[in-house]
Amino acid sequence: MCPGMLAKAKSEGIKPAEISFDHANQVEKIHAGAHEKGMADLGKNKAVDYYVCPVCGNTVEEKAQAECPICGTMGFEFMRIL
C-alpha cells in the first residue's frame, strides 16, 4: 500500500506526505523481517530487547544505533521495549 501512496504524494508534490510514506514503507520492511525472525525463534525462549524510534517506528534489536538510518533521530531517543 505504501509504494502506491508514496508515488501519488510524489506526483502531487506533497513533500510531508512523501516523507511519511517513505518512512512507513522502510519501517514495514523492517517489521516484516522482525516478524519472520520471531516466528523462527518461537519456542526457543530467547529474550530480546527491542528499541523503537519514536519518530518513524524503526525497530532494532538489542541496541539502538547512534542515529536512526531512516529519519535521523538520535539513538538515545529510541524507546526500549522488552
PDB file of N, CA and C in Angstrom:
ATOM      1  N   MET A   1       0.817  -1.184   0.000  1.00  0.00           N
ATOM      2  CA  MET A   1       0.000   0.000   0.000  1.00  0.00           C
ATOM      3  C   MET A   1       0.870   1.260   0.000  1.00  0.00           C
ATOM      4  N   CYS A   2       1.936   1.268   0.768  1.00  0.00           N
ATOM      5  CA  CYS A   2       2.784   2.458   0.870  1.00  0.00           C
ATOM      6  C   CYS A   2       3.418   2.872  -0.458  1.00  0.00           C
ATOM      7  N   PRO A   3       3.929   1.934  -1.273  1.00  0.00           N
ATOM      8  CA  PRO A   3       4.543   2.377  -2.531  1.00  0.00           C
ATOM      9  C   PRO A   3       3.583   3.176  -3.421  1.00  0.00           C
ATOM     10  N   GLY A   4       2.327   2.761  -3.488  1.00  0.00           N
ATOM     11  CA  GLY A   4       1.352   3.482  -4.289  1.00  0.00           C
ATOM     12  C   GLY A   4       1.072   4.866  -3.724  1.00  0.00           C
ATOM     13  N   MET A   5       0.932   4.939  -2.420  1.00  0.00           N
ATOM     14  CA  MET A   5       0.676   6.223  -1.774  1.00  0.00           C
ATOM     15  C   MET A   5       1.894   7.137  -1.895  1.00  0.00           C
ATOM     16  N   LEU A   6       3.078   6.550  -1.792  1.00  0.00           N
ATOM     17  CA  LEU A   6       4.311   7.314  -1.951  1.00  0.00           C
ATOM     18  C   LEU A   6       4.396   7.894  -3.355  1.00  0.00           C
ATOM     19  N   ALA A   7       4.091   7.101  -4.351  1.00  0.00           N
ATOM     20  CA  ALA A   7       4.128   7.571  -5.736  1.00  0.00           C
ATOM     21  C   ALA A   7       3.129   8.704  -5.954  1.00  0.00           C
ATOM     22  N   LYS A   8       1.947   8.573  -5.366  1.00  0.00           N
ATOM     23  CA  LYS A   8       0.924   9.618  -5.505  1.00  0.00           C
ATOM     24  C   LYS A   8       1.378  10.912  -4.841  1.00  0.00           C
ATOM     25  N   ALA A   9       1.947  10.811  -3.640  1.00  0.00           N
ATOM     26  CA  ALA A   9       2.434  12.002  -2.940  1.00  0.00           C
ATOM     27  C   ALA A   9       3.540  12.687  -3.746  1.00  0.00           C
ATOM     28  N   LYS A  10       4.431  11.893  -4.334  1.00  0.00           N
ATOM     29  CA  LYS A  10       5.500  12.458  -5.167  1.00  0.00           C
ATOM     30  C   LYS A  10       4.928  13.163  -6.383  1.00  0.00           C
ATOM     31  N   SER A  11       3.979  12.515  -7.050  1.00  0.00           N
ATOM     32  CA  SER A  11       3.412  13.097  -8.272  1.00  0.00           C
ATOM     33  C   SER A  11       2.629  14.373  -7.982  1.00  0.00           C
ATOM     34  N   GLU A  12       2.067  14.470  -6.779  1.00  0.00           N
ATOM     35  CA  GLU A  12       1.306  15.655  -6.405  1.00  0.00           C
ATOM     36  C   GLU A  12       2.171  16.705  -5.708  1.00  0.00           C
ATOM     37  N   GLY A  13       3.444  16.367  -5.481  1.00  0.00           N
ATOM     38  CA  GLY A  13       4.373  17.324  -4.875  1.00  0.00           C
ATOM     39  C   GLY A  13       4.085  17.633  -3.416  1.00  0.00           C
ATOM     40  N   ILE A  14       3.540  16.657  -2.687  1.00  0.00           N
ATOM     41  CA  ILE A  14       3.219  16.859  -1.270  1.00  0.00           C
ATOM     42  C   ILE A  14       4.366  16.275  -0.445  1.00  0.00           C
ATOM     43  N   LYS A  15       5.383  17.091  -0.177  1.00  0.00           N
ATOM     44  CA  LYS A  15       6.620  16.627   0.460  1.00  0.00           C
ATOM     45  C   LYS A  15       6.393  15.979   1.834  1.00  0.00           C
ATOM     46  N   PRO A  16       5.588  16.565   2.753  1.00  0.00           N
ATOM     47  CA  PRO A  16       5.392  15.904   4.051  1.00  0.00           C
ATOM     48  C   PRO A  16       4.786  14.499   3.912  1.00  0.00           C
ATOM     49  N   ALA A  17       3.829  14.338   3.002  1.00  0.00           N
ATOM     50  CA  ALA A  17       3.236  13.015   2.786  1.00  0.00           C
ATOM     51  C   ALA A  17       4.256  12.074   2.176  1.00  0.00           C
ATOM     52  N   GLU A  18       5.059  12.573   1.270  1.00  0.00           N
ATOM     53  CA  GLU A  18       6.108  11.757   0.644  1.00  0.00           C
ATOM     54  C   GLU A  18       7.072  11.222   1.695  1.00  0.00           C
ATOM     55  N   ILE A  19       7.501  12.085   2.590  1.00  0.00           N
ATOM     56  CA  ILE A  19       8.429  11.676   3.656  1.00  0.00           C
ATOM     57  C   ILE A  19       7.761  10.638   4.558  1.00  0.00           C
ATOM     58  N   SER A  20       6.523  10.894   4.941  1.00  0.00           N
ATOM     59  CA  SER A  20       5.804   9.981   5.824  1.00  0.00           C
ATOM     60  C   SER A  20       5.635   8.593   5.199  1.00  0.00           C
ATOM     61  N   PHE A  21       5.198   8.547   3.942  1.00  0.00           N
ATOM     62  CA  PHE A  21       5.008   7.254   3.286  1.00  0.00           C
ATOM     63  C   PHE A  21       6.332   6.550   3.022  1.00  0.00           C
ATOM     64  N   ASP A  22       7.384   7.301   2.753  1.00  0.00           N
ATOM     65  CA  ASP A  22       8.697   6.691   2.568  1.00  0.00           C
ATOM     66  C   ASP A  22       9.171   6.045   3.865  1.00  0.00           C
ATOM     67  N   HIS A  23       9.033   6.767   4.981  1.00  0.00           N
ATOM     68  CA  HIS A  23       9.425   6.212   6.282  1.00  0.00           C
ATOM     69  C   HIS A  23       8.612   4.958   6.591  1.00  0.00           C
ATOM     70  N   ALA A  24       7.292   5.040   6.394  1.00  0.00           N
ATOM     71  CA  ALA A  24       6.420   3.902   6.680  1.00  0.00           C
ATOM     72  C   ALA A  24       6.794   2.695   5.831  1.00  0.00           C
ATOM     73  N   ASN A  25       7.105   2.923   4.572  1.00  0.00           N
ATOM     74  CA  ASN A  25       7.487   1.835   3.671  1.00  0.00           C
ATOM     75  C   ASN A  25       8.772   1.151   4.148  1.00  0.00           C
ATOM     76  N   GLN A  26       9.768   1.944   4.527  1.00  0.00           N
ATOM     77  CA  GLN A  26      11.031   1.374   5.007  1.00  0.00           C
ATOM     78  C   GLN A  26      10.841   0.597   6.306  1.00  0.00           C
ATOM     79  N   VAL A  27      10.062   1.171   7.221  1.00  0.00           N
ATOM     80  CA  VAL A  27       9.852   0.539   8.526  1.00  0.00           C
ATOM     81  C   VAL A  27       9.050  -0.753   8.398  1.00  0.00           C
ATOM     82  N   GLU A  28       8.069  -0.784   7.504  1.00  0.00           N
ATOM     83  CA  GLU A  28       7.273  -2.001   7.337  1.00  0.00           C
ATOM     84  C   GLU A  28       8.138  -3.164   6.856  1.00  0.00           C
ATOM     85  N   LYS A  29       9.145  -2.891   6.048  1.00  0.00           N
ATOM     86  CA  LYS A  29      10.075  -3.939   5.617  1.00  0.00           C
ATOM     87  C   LYS A  29      10.853  -4.479   6.819  1.00  0.00           C
ATOM     88  N   ILE A  30      11.258  -3.592   7.710  1.00  0.00           N
ATOM     89  CA  ILE A  30      11.982  -3.995   8.921  1.00  0.00           C
ATOM     90  C   ILE A  30      11.071  -4.821   9.823  1.00  0.00           C
ATOM     91  N   HIS A  31       9.830  -4.369   9.990  1.00  0.00           N
ATOM     92  CA  HIS A  31       8.877  -5.098  10.828  1.00  0.00           C
ATOM     93  C   HIS A  31       8.589  -6.486  10.265  1.00  0.00           C
ATOM     94  N   ALA A  32       8.493  -6.607   8.953  1.00  0.00           N
ATOM     95  CA  ALA A  32       8.254  -7.913   8.328  1.00  0.00           C
ATOM     96  C   ALA A  32       9.408  -8.863   8.623  1.00  0.00           C
ATOM     97  N   GLY A  33      10.634  -8.355   8.538  1.00  0.00           N
ATOM     98  CA  GLY A  33      11.805  -9.179   8.848  1.00  0.00           C
ATOM     99  C   GLY A  33      11.836  -9.600  10.307  1.00  0.00           C
ATOM    100  N   ALA A  34      11.468  -8.679  11.203  1.00  0.00           N
ATOM    101  CA  ALA A  34      11.434  -8.997  12.633  1.00  0.00           C
ATOM    102  C   ALA A  34      10.366 -10.049  12.926  1.00  0.00           C
ATOM    103  N   HIS A  35       9.248  -9.947  12.240  1.00  0.00           N
ATOM    104  CA  HIS A  35       8.178 -10.934  12.427  1.00  0.00           C
ATOM    105  C   HIS A  35       8.642 -12.320  11.983  1.00  0.00           C
ATOM    106  N   GLU A  36       9.290 -12.393  10.837  1.00  0.00           N
ATOM    107  CA  GLU A  36       9.803 -13.679  10.346  1.00  0.00           C
ATOM    108  C   GLU A  36      10.813 -14.269  11.320  1.00  0.00           C
ATOM    109  N   LYS A  37      11.711 -13.435  11.821  1.00  0.00           N
ATOM    110  CA  LYS A  37      12.723 -13.894  12.780  1.00  0.00           C
ATOM    111  C   LYS A  37      12.055 -14.370  14.067  1.00  0.00           C
ATOM    112  N   GLY A  38      11.079 -13.620  14.536  1.00  0.00           N
ATOM    113  CA  GLY A  38      10.360 -14.000  15.747  1.00  0.00           C
ATOM    114  C   GLY A  38       9.640 -15.329  15.592  1.00  0.00           C
ATOM    115  N   MET A  39       9.052 -15.539  14.438  1.00  0.00           N
ATOM    116  CA  MET A  39       8.368 -16.813  14.192  1.00  0.00           C
ATOM    117  C   MET A  39       9.367 -17.970  14.152  1.00  0.00           C
ATOM    118  N   ALA A  40      10.541 -17.720  13.587  1.00  0.00           N
ATOM    119  CA  ALA A  40      11.573 -18.759  13.528  1.00  0.00           C
ATOM    120  C   ALA A  40      12.106 -19.082  14.924  1.00  0.00           C
ATOM    121  N   ASP A  41      12.130 -18.079  15.817  1.00  0.00           N
ATOM    122  CA  ASP A  41      12.648 -18.264  17.172  1.00  0.00           C
ATOM    123  C   ASP A  41      11.578 -18.703  18.169  1.00  0.00           C
ATOM    124  N   LEU A  42      10.353 -18.831  17.715  1.00  0.00           N
ATOM    125  CA  LEU A  42       9.247 -19.195  18.593  1.00  0.00           C
ATOM    126  C   LEU A  42       9.543 -20.500  19.328  1.00  0.00           C
ATOM    127  N   GLY A  43       9.364 -20.485  20.625  1.00  0.00           N
ATOM    128  CA  GLY A  43       9.576 -21.671  21.440  1.00  0.00           C
ATOM    129  C   GLY A  43      11.016 -21.855  21.904  1.00  0.00           C
ATOM    130  N   LYS A  44      11.908 -20.972  21.501  1.00  0.00           N
ATOM    131  CA  LYS A  44      13.315 -21.098  21.896  1.00  0.00           C
ATOM    132  C   LYS A  44      13.634 -20.327  23.172  1.00  0.00           C
ATOM    133  N   ASN A  45      12.616 -19.688  23.754  1.00  0.00           N
ATOM    134  CA  ASN A  45      12.791 -18.914  24.994  1.00  0.00           C
ATOM    135  C   ASN A  45      13.924 -17.911  24.889  1.00  0.00           C
ATOM    136  N   LYS A  46      14.013 -17.275  23.756  1.00  0.00           N
ATOM    137  CA  LYS A  46      15.055 -16.281  23.538  1.00  0.00           C
ATOM    138  C   LYS A  46      14.510 -14.901  23.896  1.00  0.00           C
ATOM    139  N   ALA A  47      15.100 -14.271  24.904  1.00  0.00           N
ATOM    140  CA  ALA A  47      14.676 -12.928  25.314  1.00  0.00           C
ATOM    141  C   ALA A  47      15.423 -11.896  24.482  1.00  0.00           C
ATOM    142  N   VAL A  48      14.683 -10.968  23.924  1.00  0.00           N
ATOM    143  CA  VAL A  48      15.283  -9.936  23.086  1.00  0.00           C
ATOM    144  C   VAL A  48      14.710  -8.583  23.487  1.00  0.00           C
ATOM    145  N   ASP A  49      15.571  -7.619  23.658  1.00  0.00           N
ATOM    146  CA  ASP A  49      15.130  -6.244  23.866  1.00  0.00           C
ATOM    147  C   ASP A  49      15.057  -5.576  22.498  1.00  0.00           C
ATOM    148  N   TYR A  50      13.994  -4.827  22.282  1.00  0.00           N
ATOM    149  CA  TYR A  50      13.847  -4.076  21.040  1.00  0.00           C
ATOM    150  C   TYR A  50      13.880  -2.594  21.367  1.00  0.00           C
ATOM    151  N   TYR A  51      14.378  -1.818  20.443  1.00  0.00           N
ATOM    152  CA  TYR A  51      14.405  -0.367  20.574  1.00  0.00           C
ATOM    153  C   TYR A  51      13.661   0.221  19.388  1.00  0.00           C
ATOM    154  N   VAL A  52      12.723   1.142  19.687  1.00  0.00           N
ATOM    155  CA  VAL A  52      11.854   1.690  18.658  1.00  0.00           C
ATOM    156  C   VAL A  52      12.049   3.202  18.550  1.00  0.00           C
ATOM    157  N   CYS A  53      12.233   3.667  17.332  1.00  0.00           N
ATOM    158  CA  CYS A  53      12.366   5.095  17.076  1.00  0.00           C
ATOM    159  C   CYS A  53      11.013   5.766  17.320  1.00  0.00           C
ATOM    160  N   PRO A  54      10.979   6.820  18.141  1.00  0.00           N
ATOM    161  CA  PRO A  54       9.708   7.471  18.436  1.00  0.00           C
ATOM    162  C   PRO A  54       9.160   8.319  17.287  1.00  0.00           C
ATOM    163  N   VAL A  55       9.971   8.527  16.261  1.00  0.00           N
ATOM    164  CA  VAL A  55       9.534   9.356  15.137  1.00  0.00           C
ATOM    165  C   VAL A  55       8.969   8.500  14.005  1.00  0.00           C
ATOM    166  N   CYS A  56       9.736   7.523  13.539  1.00  0.00           N
ATOM    167  CA  CYS A  56       9.315   6.758  12.357  1.00  0.00           C
ATOM    168  C   CYS A  56       8.911   5.320  12.663  1.00  0.00           C
ATOM    169  N   GLY A  57       9.228   4.822  13.854  1.00  0.00           N
ATOM    170  CA  GLY A  57       8.871   3.454  14.209  1.00  0.00           C
ATOM    171  C   GLY A  57       9.911   2.413  13.859  1.00  0.00           C
ATOM    172  N   ASN A  58      11.071   2.843  13.355  1.00  0.00           N
ATOM    173  CA  ASN A  58      12.144   1.895  13.067  1.00  0.00           C
ATOM    174  C   ASN A  58      12.414   1.066  14.315  1.00  0.00           C
ATOM    175  N   THR A  59      12.557  -0.232  14.153  1.00  0.00           N
ATOM    176  CA  THR A  59      12.736  -1.138  15.276  1.00  0.00           C
ATOM    177  C   THR A  59      14.018  -1.933  15.101  1.00  0.00           C
ATOM    178  N   VAL A  60      14.856  -1.933  16.147  1.00  0.00           N
ATOM    179  CA  VAL A  60      16.117  -2.661  16.100  1.00  0.00           C
ATOM    180  C   VAL A  60      16.230  -3.541  17.340  1.00  0.00           C
ATOM    181  N   GLU A  61      17.019  -4.599  17.219  1.00  0.00           N
ATOM    182  CA  GLU A  61      17.251  -5.498  18.350  1.00  0.00           C
ATOM    183  C   GLU A  61      18.467  -5.065  19.144  1.00  0.00           C
ATOM    184  N   GLU A  62      18.380  -5.305  20.443  1.00  0.00           N
ATOM    185  CA  GLU A  62      19.493  -5.207  21.387  1.00  0.00           C
ATOM    186  C   GLU A  62      20.010  -3.803  21.668  1.00  0.00           C
ATOM    187  N   LYS A  63      20.286  -2.986  20.655  1.00  0.00           N
ATOM    188  CA  LYS A  63      20.863  -1.669  20.921  1.00  0.00           C
ATOM    189  C   LYS A  63      20.547  -0.720  19.774  1.00  0.00           C
ATOM    190  N   ALA A  64      20.104   0.464  20.138  1.00  0.00           N
ATOM    191  CA  ALA A  64      19.828   1.470  19.116  1.00  0.00           C
ATOM    192  C   ALA A  64      21.135   1.988  18.533  1.00  0.00           C
ATOM    193  N   GLN A  65      21.102   2.311  17.266  1.00  0.00           N
ATOM    194  CA  GLN A  65      22.267   2.887  16.605  1.00  0.00           C
ATOM    195  C   GLN A  65      22.449   4.323  17.080  1.00  0.00           C
ATOM    196  N   ALA A  66      23.541   4.933  16.718  1.00  0.00           N
ATOM    197  CA  ALA A  66      23.791   6.320  17.104  1.00  0.00           C
ATOM    198  C   ALA A  66      22.725   7.243  16.525  1.00  0.00           C
ATOM    199  N   GLU A  67      22.250   6.898  15.329  1.00  0.00           N
ATOM    200  CA  GLU A  67      21.244   7.702  14.654  1.00  0.00           C
ATOM    201  C   GLU A  67      20.345   6.786  13.822  1.00  0.00           C
ATOM    202  N   CYS A  68      19.068   7.064  13.806  1.00  0.00           N
ATOM    203  CA  CYS A  68      18.136   6.260  13.014  1.00  0.00           C
ATOM    204  C   CYS A  68      18.482   6.420  11.532  1.00  0.00           C
ATOM    205  N   PRO A  69      18.692   5.310  10.832  1.00  0.00           N
ATOM    206  CA  PRO A  69      19.057   5.405   9.420  1.00  0.00           C
ATOM    207  C   PRO A  69      17.885   5.835   8.525  1.00  0.00           C
ATOM    208  N   ILE A  70      16.687   5.831   9.076  1.00  0.00           N
ATOM    209  CA  ILE A  70      15.517   6.203   8.284  1.00  0.00           C
ATOM    210  C   ILE A  70      15.185   7.688   8.431  1.00  0.00           C
ATOM    211  N   CYS A  71      15.096   8.167   9.669  1.00  0.00           N
ATOM    212  CA  CYS A  71      14.649   9.555   9.865  1.00  0.00           C
ATOM    213  C   CYS A  71      15.679  10.469  10.518  1.00  0.00           C
ATOM    214  N   GLY A  72      16.790   9.909  10.996  1.00  0.00           N
ATOM    215  CA  GLY A  72      17.844  10.734  11.587  1.00  0.00           C
ATOM    216  C   GLY A  72      17.692  11.029  13.064  1.00  0.00           C
ATOM    217  N   THR A  73      16.678  10.483  13.717  1.00  0.00           N
ATOM    218  CA  THR A  73      16.503  10.688  15.158  1.00  0.00           C
ATOM    219  C   THR A  73      17.683  10.071  15.902  1.00  0.00           C
ATOM    220  N   MET A  74      18.141  10.749  16.929  1.00  0.00           N
ATOM    221  CA  MET A  74      19.281  10.262  17.701  1.00  0.00           C
ATOM    222  C   MET A  74      18.929   8.963  18.426  1.00  0.00           C
ATOM    223  N   GLY A  75      19.889   8.037  18.453  1.00  0.00           N
ATOM    224  CA  GLY A  75      19.675   6.716  19.038  1.00  0.00           C
ATOM    225  C   GLY A  75      19.259   6.735  20.488  1.00  0.00           C
ATOM    226  N   PHE A  76      19.729   7.735  21.263  1.00  0.00           N
ATOM    227  CA  PHE A  76      19.375   7.766  22.673  1.00  0.00           C
ATOM    228  C   PHE A  76      17.884   8.073  22.886  1.00  0.00           C
ATOM    229  N   GLU A  77      17.198   8.505  21.837  1.00  0.00           N
ATOM    230  CA  GLU A  77      15.771   8.778  21.934  1.00  0.00           C
ATOM    231  C   GLU A  77      14.911   7.536  21.676  1.00  0.00           C
ATOM    232  N   PHE A  78      15.513   6.464  21.194  1.00  0.00           N
ATOM    233  CA  PHE A  78      14.765   5.237  20.947  1.00  0.00           C
ATOM    234  C   PHE A  78      14.194   4.715  22.254  1.00  0.00           C
ATOM    235  N   MET A  79      13.009   4.117  22.196  1.00  0.00           N
ATOM    236  CA  MET A  79      12.361   3.578  23.381  1.00  0.00           C
ATOM    237  C   MET A  79      12.632   2.079  23.478  1.00  0.00           C
ATOM    238  N   ARG A  80      13.027   1.639  24.654  1.00  0.00           N
ATOM    239  CA  ARG A  80      13.301   0.222  24.870  1.00  0.00           C
ATOM    240  C   ARG A  80      11.986  -0.517  25.111  1.00  0.00           C
ATOM    241  N   ILE A  81      11.803  -1.603  24.372  1.00  0.00           N
ATOM    242  CA  ILE A  81      10.620  -2.435  24.509  1.00  0.00           C
ATOM    243  C   ILE A  81      11.096  -3.830  24.894  1.00  0.00           C
ATOM    244  N   LEU A  82      10.591  -4.348  25.968  1.00  0.00           N
ATOM    245  CA  LEU A  82      11.012  -5.679  26.428  1.00  0.00           C
ATOM    246  C   LEU A  82      10.161  -6.748  25.804  1.00  0.00           C
TER     247      LEU A  82
END
